[in-house]
Amino acid sequence: MTDALHVLAEEAPDSPDVVALIEASDAYSLERYPPEGHFGTDVAGLKSPDITFLVARRGGVAEGCGAMKWFADGTAELKRVFVSEAARGCGLGRRLMARLEALAAEHRVKRLYLETGPLNTEAVAMYRRLGYVECGPFWNHRHCRSDV
C-alpha cells in the first residue's frame, strides 16, 4: 500500500476533521496510559506562533498530523505525530517525520526532541528506525536526535 495520495501541508489545527484526528490521538493514548500519564498539547497550544502544524490529507480527509515546536536555543520538539487507524501501514508516519525533519534542517535545528511512552510500541519502533535514541530528561522528554 502506498501513501502517494496523501497531501501534506501546513494548516491550523482547529478545523473539525483535524480536531477529530487530535481527539483520536488522545483516545489512543488514553487506551494505553492513565489520564495523569497523558501530556498531549491541546488545540489551543498547537495554534501557538512557535509551532508549525502539518496535516496529511487523502481525498480531503485528515488522516495524519505532526507538529514542530521551535525553541530559541536552536532546538525543536516534535509534537502530535499521529496517523489515523485507517491510514496506518502505508508509510504515512515516516513521510510526516521526513517532512518535519526537513523543516528542522531548514531551520538549522541542532537537536530535535520528542516524547513518546514505551507502550506506543509502533511509534517507538519507527523513531528508532529513523535514528532517534533515548536521551536524558529534557522537560520530561525521553527521545532525541542530534544529527538533523
Protein backbone atom coordinates (compact mmCIF):
# COMPACT_ATOMS: atom_id res chain seq x y z
CA MET A 1 0.00 0.00 0.00
CA THR A 2 1.36 3.44 -0.84
CA ASP A 3 0.56 6.85 0.57
CA ALA A 4 1.14 8.71 -2.71
CA LEU A 5 -2.39 10.06 -2.45
CA HIS A 6 -1.69 11.92 0.80
CA VAL A 7 -1.09 15.65 0.52
CA LEU A 8 0.94 17.17 3.38
CA ALA A 9 0.53 20.86 4.13
CA GLU A 10 0.80 23.37 6.94
CA GLU A 11 -2.64 24.03 8.42
CA ALA A 12 -4.26 25.41 11.52
CA PRO A 13 -5.09 22.60 13.95
CA ASP A 14 -8.65 23.74 14.63
CA SER A 15 -10.65 22.55 11.62
CA PRO A 16 -13.28 19.99 12.67
CA ASP A 17 -11.63 16.98 11.00
CA VAL A 18 -8.21 17.86 12.42
CA VAL A 19 -9.72 18.29 15.89
CA ALA A 20 -11.27 14.82 15.42
CA LEU A 21 -7.83 13.46 14.50
CA ILE A 22 -6.29 15.02 17.62
CA GLU A 23 -9.13 13.54 19.69
CA ALA A 24 -8.38 10.13 18.16
CA SER A 25 -4.74 10.61 19.16
CA ASP A 26 -5.85 11.37 22.72
CA ALA A 27 -8.11 8.30 22.78
CA TYR A 28 -5.22 6.16 21.54
CA SER A 29 -3.02 7.49 24.33
CA LEU A 30 -5.70 7.05 26.99
CA GLU A 31 -6.13 3.39 25.97
CA ARG A 32 -2.51 2.83 26.96
CA TYR A 33 -1.87 5.24 29.83
CA PRO A 34 -3.80 6.64 32.79
CA PRO A 35 -5.05 10.23 32.42
CA GLU A 36 -2.16 11.56 34.53
CA GLY A 37 0.24 10.00 32.01
CA HIS A 38 -1.26 11.81 29.03
CA PHE A 39 0.59 15.01 28.06
CA GLY A 40 -0.68 15.84 24.56
CA THR A 41 -0.68 19.50 23.58
CA ASP A 42 -4.23 20.74 23.10
CA VAL A 43 -5.53 22.54 20.01
CA ALA A 44 -5.09 25.98 21.59
CA GLY A 45 -1.46 25.15 22.38
CA LEU A 46 -0.90 23.89 18.82
CA LYS A 47 -2.01 27.30 17.49
CA SER A 48 0.94 28.98 19.21
CA PRO A 49 3.15 31.06 16.86
CA ASP A 50 6.20 28.96 17.81
CA ILE A 51 4.57 25.79 16.40
CA THR A 52 4.34 24.61 12.80
CA PHE A 53 1.47 22.15 12.34
CA LEU A 54 1.24 19.74 9.39
CA VAL A 55 -1.77 17.76 8.22
CA ALA A 56 -1.79 14.81 5.83
CA ARG A 57 -4.97 14.55 3.79
CA ARG A 58 -6.20 11.87 1.41
CA GLY A 59 -9.24 12.78 -0.62
CA GLY A 60 -9.56 15.90 1.53
CA VAL A 61 -9.82 13.86 4.75
CA ALA A 62 -7.31 14.48 7.55
CA GLU A 63 -5.56 11.16 8.21
CA GLY A 64 -2.32 12.23 9.84
CA CYS A 65 -0.66 15.15 11.57
CA GLY A 66 2.51 16.29 13.23
CA ALA A 67 3.89 19.48 14.67
CA MET A 68 7.21 21.14 15.42
CA LYS A 69 7.73 23.46 18.37
CA TRP A 70 10.65 25.80 17.81
CA PHE A 71 12.91 26.96 20.66
CA ALA A 72 15.19 30.00 20.67
CA ASP A 73 18.22 27.87 21.61
CA GLY A 74 18.25 26.14 18.22
CA THR A 75 16.41 23.03 19.34
CA ALA A 76 12.93 21.86 18.46
CA GLU A 77 10.37 19.36 19.68
CA LEU A 78 8.18 17.05 17.63
CA LYS A 79 4.59 17.05 18.83
CA ARG A 80 1.36 15.27 17.97
CA VAL A 81 2.74 12.92 15.31
CA PHE A 82 -0.25 10.69 14.67
CA VAL A 83 -1.75 8.64 11.85
CA SER A 84 -5.38 7.52 11.89
CA GLU A 85 -6.11 3.83 12.09
CA ALA A 86 -7.46 3.89 8.52
CA ALA A 87 -4.14 5.20 7.17
CA ARG A 88 -1.69 3.06 9.15
CA GLY A 89 0.66 0.74 7.36
CA CYS A 90 1.19 2.87 4.25
CA GLY A 91 4.29 4.80 5.34
CA LEU A 92 2.46 7.99 6.23
CA GLY A 93 4.12 8.26 9.64
CA ARG A 94 7.58 8.09 8.03
CA ARG A 95 6.52 10.63 5.43
CA LEU A 96 5.28 13.04 8.10
CA MET A 97 8.54 12.59 10.01
CA ALA A 98 10.58 13.23 6.85
CA ARG A 99 8.72 16.49 6.24
CA LEU A 100 9.10 17.58 9.87
CA GLU A 101 12.81 16.70 9.85
CA ALA A 102 13.23 18.68 6.61
CA LEU A 103 11.67 21.69 8.33
CA ALA A 104 14.09 21.21 11.23
CA ALA A 105 17.02 21.12 8.81
CA GLU A 106 15.78 24.29 7.09
CA HIS A 107 15.70 25.99 10.50
CA ARG A 108 19.19 24.63 11.28
CA VAL A 109 17.94 22.83 14.37
CA LYS A 110 20.86 21.31 16.26
CA ARG A 111 18.83 18.87 18.36
CA LEU A 112 15.35 17.51 17.84
CA TYR A 113 13.37 16.14 20.78
CA LEU A 114 10.23 14.09 21.10
CA GLU A 115 8.33 12.38 23.84
CA THR A 116 6.55 9.11 23.49
CA GLY A 117 5.73 6.45 26.00
CA PRO A 118 7.06 2.89 25.89
CA LEU A 119 3.58 1.48 25.29
CA ASN A 120 3.40 3.29 21.93
CA THR A 121 5.36 0.38 20.52
CA GLU A 122 4.80 1.17 16.83
CA ALA A 123 5.88 4.79 17.29
CA VAL A 124 8.95 3.85 19.35
CA ALA A 125 9.98 1.32 16.69
CA MET A 126 9.58 3.92 13.92
CA TYR A 127 11.55 6.54 15.84
CA ARG A 128 14.37 4.06 16.47
CA ARG A 129 14.46 3.11 12.77
CA LEU A 130 14.76 6.84 12.00
CA GLY A 131 17.78 7.21 14.28
CA TYR A 132 16.21 8.55 17.46
CA VAL A 133 17.69 7.34 20.73
CA GLU A 134 16.62 7.66 24.32
CA CYS A 135 18.21 10.65 25.95
CA GLY A 136 18.27 12.13 29.38
CA PRO A 137 15.31 14.15 30.54
CA PHE A 138 14.59 17.42 28.79
CA TRP A 139 11.40 18.88 30.12
CA ASN A 140 10.46 15.24 30.97
CA HIS A 141 11.06 14.04 27.39
CA ARG A 142 12.89 10.87 26.51
CA HIS A 143 13.98 10.64 22.87
CA CYS A 144 16.21 12.91 20.83
CA ARG A 145 18.17 13.11 17.64
CA SER A 146 21.09 15.46 17.20
CA ASP A 147 22.07 14.78 13.60
CA VAL A 148 19.19 16.57 11.85
